[in-house]
């Protein structure tokens, strides 16, 4: 297995982990209460979603080449 494929697999795993972690933050009890009272979702959840998506896309693009 080449280094690019190993890096691609690691990026995919990290991306999936970040997306899952962001989902857990978004659905936490404190976040749900905050959204119900103030209407704002935590910025940390969005950062995790975006970072995870970027890592996943980079991993997929590295797997293709």
N, C-alpha and C. Protein backbone atom coordinates (compact mmCIF):
# COMPACT_ATOMS: atom_id res chain seq x y z
N UNK A 1 0.85 -1.17 0.00
CA UNK A 1 0.00 0.00 0.00
C UNK A 1 0.90 1.24 0.00
N UNK A 2 0.58 2.17 -0.87
CA UNK A 2 1.40 3.36 -0.96
C UNK A 2 1.06 4.36 0.14
N UNK A 3 1.95 5.32 0.30
CA UNK A 3 1.73 6.35 1.33
C UNK A 3 0.48 7.17 1.06
N UNK A 4 0.19 7.44 -0.23
CA UNK A 4 -1.00 8.22 -0.55
C UNK A 4 -2.28 7.51 -0.12
N UNK A 5 -2.32 6.21 -0.28
CA UNK A 5 -3.51 5.45 0.12
C UNK A 5 -3.66 5.43 1.64
N UNK A 6 -2.54 5.33 2.34
CA UNK A 6 -2.59 5.35 3.80
C UNK A 6 -3.08 6.71 4.29
N UNK A 7 -2.55 7.76 3.70
CA UNK A 7 -2.99 9.12 4.07
C UNK A 7 -4.47 9.30 3.75
N UNK A 8 -4.91 8.78 2.61
CA UNK A 8 -6.32 8.90 2.22
C UNK A 8 -7.22 8.18 3.22
N UNK A 9 -6.84 7.01 3.65
CA UNK A 9 -7.63 6.25 4.62
C UNK A 9 -7.67 6.98 5.96
N UNK A 10 -6.53 7.51 6.38
CA UNK A 10 -6.49 8.27 7.64
C UNK A 10 -7.37 9.50 7.55
N UNK A 11 -7.33 10.21 6.43
CA UNK A 11 -8.18 11.39 6.25
C UNK A 11 -9.65 11.03 6.29
N UNK A 12 -10.01 9.91 5.68
CA UNK A 12 -11.40 9.47 5.72
C UNK A 12 -11.85 9.14 7.14
N UNK A 13 -11.00 8.47 7.89
CA UNK A 13 -11.34 8.11 9.27
C UNK A 13 -11.45 9.36 10.14
N UNK A 14 -10.50 10.27 9.99
CA UNK A 14 -10.53 11.52 10.76
C UNK A 14 -11.76 12.34 10.37
N UNK A 15 -12.08 12.41 9.08
CA UNK A 15 -13.25 13.14 8.63
C UNK A 15 -14.54 12.57 9.19
N UNK A 16 -14.66 11.25 9.17
CA UNK A 16 -15.85 10.62 9.74
C UNK A 16 -15.93 10.86 11.24
N UNK A 17 -14.79 10.81 11.91
CA UNK A 17 -14.77 11.07 13.34
C UNK A 17 -15.18 12.49 13.68
N UNK A 18 -14.69 13.45 12.91
CA UNK A 18 -15.05 14.85 13.15
C UNK A 18 -16.53 15.10 12.90
N UNK A 19 -17.06 14.50 11.85
CA UNK A 19 -18.49 14.66 11.57
C UNK A 19 -19.32 14.06 12.69
N UNK A 20 -18.94 12.87 13.16
CA UNK A 20 -19.67 12.24 14.26
C UNK A 20 -19.57 13.07 15.53
N UNK A 21 -18.38 13.58 15.81
CA UNK A 21 -18.17 14.40 17.01
C UNK A 21 -19.00 15.69 16.93
N UNK A 22 -19.04 16.31 15.77
CA UNK A 22 -19.87 17.50 15.58
C UNK A 22 -21.34 17.20 15.76
N UNK A 23 -21.77 16.04 15.28
CA UNK A 23 -23.17 15.63 15.45
C UNK A 23 -23.50 15.44 16.92
N UNK A 24 -22.57 14.84 17.67
CA UNK A 24 -22.79 14.65 19.10
C UNK A 24 -22.86 16.00 19.83
N UNK A 25 -22.01 16.93 19.45
CA UNK A 25 -22.05 18.27 20.06
C UNK A 25 -23.35 18.97 19.71
N UNK A 26 -23.77 18.86 18.47
CA UNK A 26 -24.99 19.51 18.01
C UNK A 26 -26.22 18.98 18.75
N UNK A 27 -26.24 17.68 19.05
CA UNK A 27 -27.40 17.07 19.69
C UNK A 27 -27.26 16.92 21.19
N UNK A 28 -26.26 17.52 21.78
CA UNK A 28 -26.10 17.43 23.24
C UNK A 28 -27.24 18.17 23.93
N UNK A 29 -27.45 17.85 25.19
CA UNK A 29 -28.54 18.46 25.95
C UNK A 29 -28.36 19.97 26.07
N UNK A 30 -27.15 20.40 26.35
CA UNK A 30 -26.89 21.83 26.47
C UNK A 30 -27.14 22.57 25.17
N UNK A 31 -26.78 21.95 24.06
CA UNK A 31 -27.00 22.57 22.77
C UNK A 31 -28.49 22.65 22.44
N UNK A 32 -29.23 21.60 22.78
CA UNK A 32 -30.66 21.60 22.51
C UNK A 32 -31.37 22.68 23.33
N UNK A 33 -30.96 22.83 24.58
CA UNK A 33 -31.55 23.88 25.42
C UNK A 33 -31.20 25.25 24.87
N UNK A 34 -29.95 25.44 24.47
CA UNK A 34 -29.52 26.72 23.90
C UNK A 34 -30.28 27.05 22.63
N UNK A 35 -30.49 26.06 21.77
CA UNK A 35 -31.25 26.31 20.53
C UNK A 35 -32.71 26.61 20.84
N UNK A 36 -33.26 25.95 21.85
CA UNK A 36 -34.67 26.19 22.20
C UNK A 36 -34.86 27.59 22.79
N UNK A 37 -33.91 28.04 23.57
CA UNK A 37 -34.05 29.35 24.22
C UNK A 37 -33.55 30.50 23.36
N UNK A 38 -32.41 30.30 22.74
CA UNK A 38 -31.81 31.40 21.99
C UNK A 38 -31.82 31.22 20.50
N UNK A 39 -32.05 30.01 20.05
CA UNK A 39 -32.10 29.76 18.63
C UNK A 39 -30.76 29.59 17.95
N UNK A 40 -29.67 29.55 18.72
CA UNK A 40 -28.35 29.43 18.11
C UNK A 40 -27.75 28.05 18.36
N UNK A 41 -27.20 27.47 17.33
CA UNK A 41 -26.47 26.22 17.46
C UNK A 41 -25.02 26.57 17.81
N UNK A 42 -24.33 25.67 18.50
CA UNK A 42 -22.93 25.97 18.85
C UNK A 42 -22.03 26.02 17.62
N UNK A 43 -21.17 27.01 17.59
CA UNK A 43 -20.25 27.17 16.46
C UNK A 43 -19.28 26.00 16.37
N UNK A 44 -18.96 25.40 17.52
CA UNK A 44 -18.03 24.27 17.53
C UNK A 44 -18.57 23.11 16.70
N UNK A 45 -19.88 22.89 16.74
CA UNK A 45 -20.48 21.80 15.96
C UNK A 45 -20.31 22.06 14.47
N UNK A 46 -20.54 23.30 14.05
CA UNK A 46 -20.38 23.62 12.63
C UNK A 46 -18.92 23.50 12.19
N UNK A 47 -18.01 23.87 13.06
CA UNK A 47 -16.59 23.74 12.73
C UNK A 47 -16.23 22.27 12.54
N UNK A 48 -16.77 21.42 13.41
CA UNK A 48 -16.50 19.98 13.28
C UNK A 48 -17.10 19.43 11.99
N UNK A 49 -18.33 19.84 11.65
CA UNK A 49 -18.96 19.39 10.41
C UNK A 49 -18.13 19.79 9.19
N UNK A 50 -17.72 21.04 9.14
CA UNK A 50 -16.97 21.54 8.00
C UNK A 50 -15.59 20.89 7.92
N UNK A 51 -14.91 20.79 9.06
CA UNK A 51 -13.59 20.15 9.07
C UNK A 51 -13.67 18.68 8.67
N UNK A 52 -14.69 17.99 9.15
CA UNK A 52 -14.87 16.59 8.78
C UNK A 52 -15.16 16.41 7.31
N UNK A 53 -15.99 17.30 6.77
CA UNK A 53 -16.31 17.21 5.34
C UNK A 53 -15.07 17.48 4.49
N UNK A 54 -14.27 18.45 4.89
CA UNK A 54 -13.05 18.75 4.14
C UNK A 54 -12.09 17.56 4.18
N UNK A 55 -11.90 16.97 5.36
CA UNK A 55 -11.02 15.81 5.47
C UNK A 55 -11.53 14.64 4.63
N UNK A 56 -12.84 14.41 4.66
CA UNK A 56 -13.42 13.30 3.89
C UNK A 56 -13.24 13.53 2.39
N UNK A 57 -13.48 14.74 1.94
CA UNK A 57 -13.32 15.04 0.50
C UNK A 57 -11.86 14.89 0.08
N UNK A 58 -10.94 15.37 0.91
CA UNK A 58 -9.52 15.20 0.59
C UNK A 58 -9.13 13.73 0.56
N UNK A 59 -9.66 12.95 1.51
CA UNK A 59 -9.38 11.52 1.52
C UNK A 59 -9.90 10.81 0.29
N UNK A 60 -11.11 11.15 -0.13
CA UNK A 60 -11.69 10.54 -1.33
C UNK A 60 -10.89 10.93 -2.57
N UNK A 61 -10.50 12.20 -2.64
CA UNK A 61 -9.73 12.63 -3.81
C UNK A 61 -8.36 11.96 -3.86
N UNK A 62 -7.76 11.71 -2.71
CA UNK A 62 -6.46 11.02 -2.70
C UNK A 62 -6.60 9.55 -3.06
N UNK A 63 -7.73 8.95 -2.73
CA UNK A 63 -7.93 7.55 -3.08
C UNK A 63 -8.06 7.34 -4.58
N UNK A 64 -8.60 8.33 -5.26
CA UNK A 64 -8.79 8.21 -6.71
C UNK A 64 -7.48 8.23 -7.47
N UNK A 65 -6.46 8.87 -6.93
CA UNK A 65 -5.20 9.01 -7.66
C UNK A 65 -4.13 8.16 -7.10
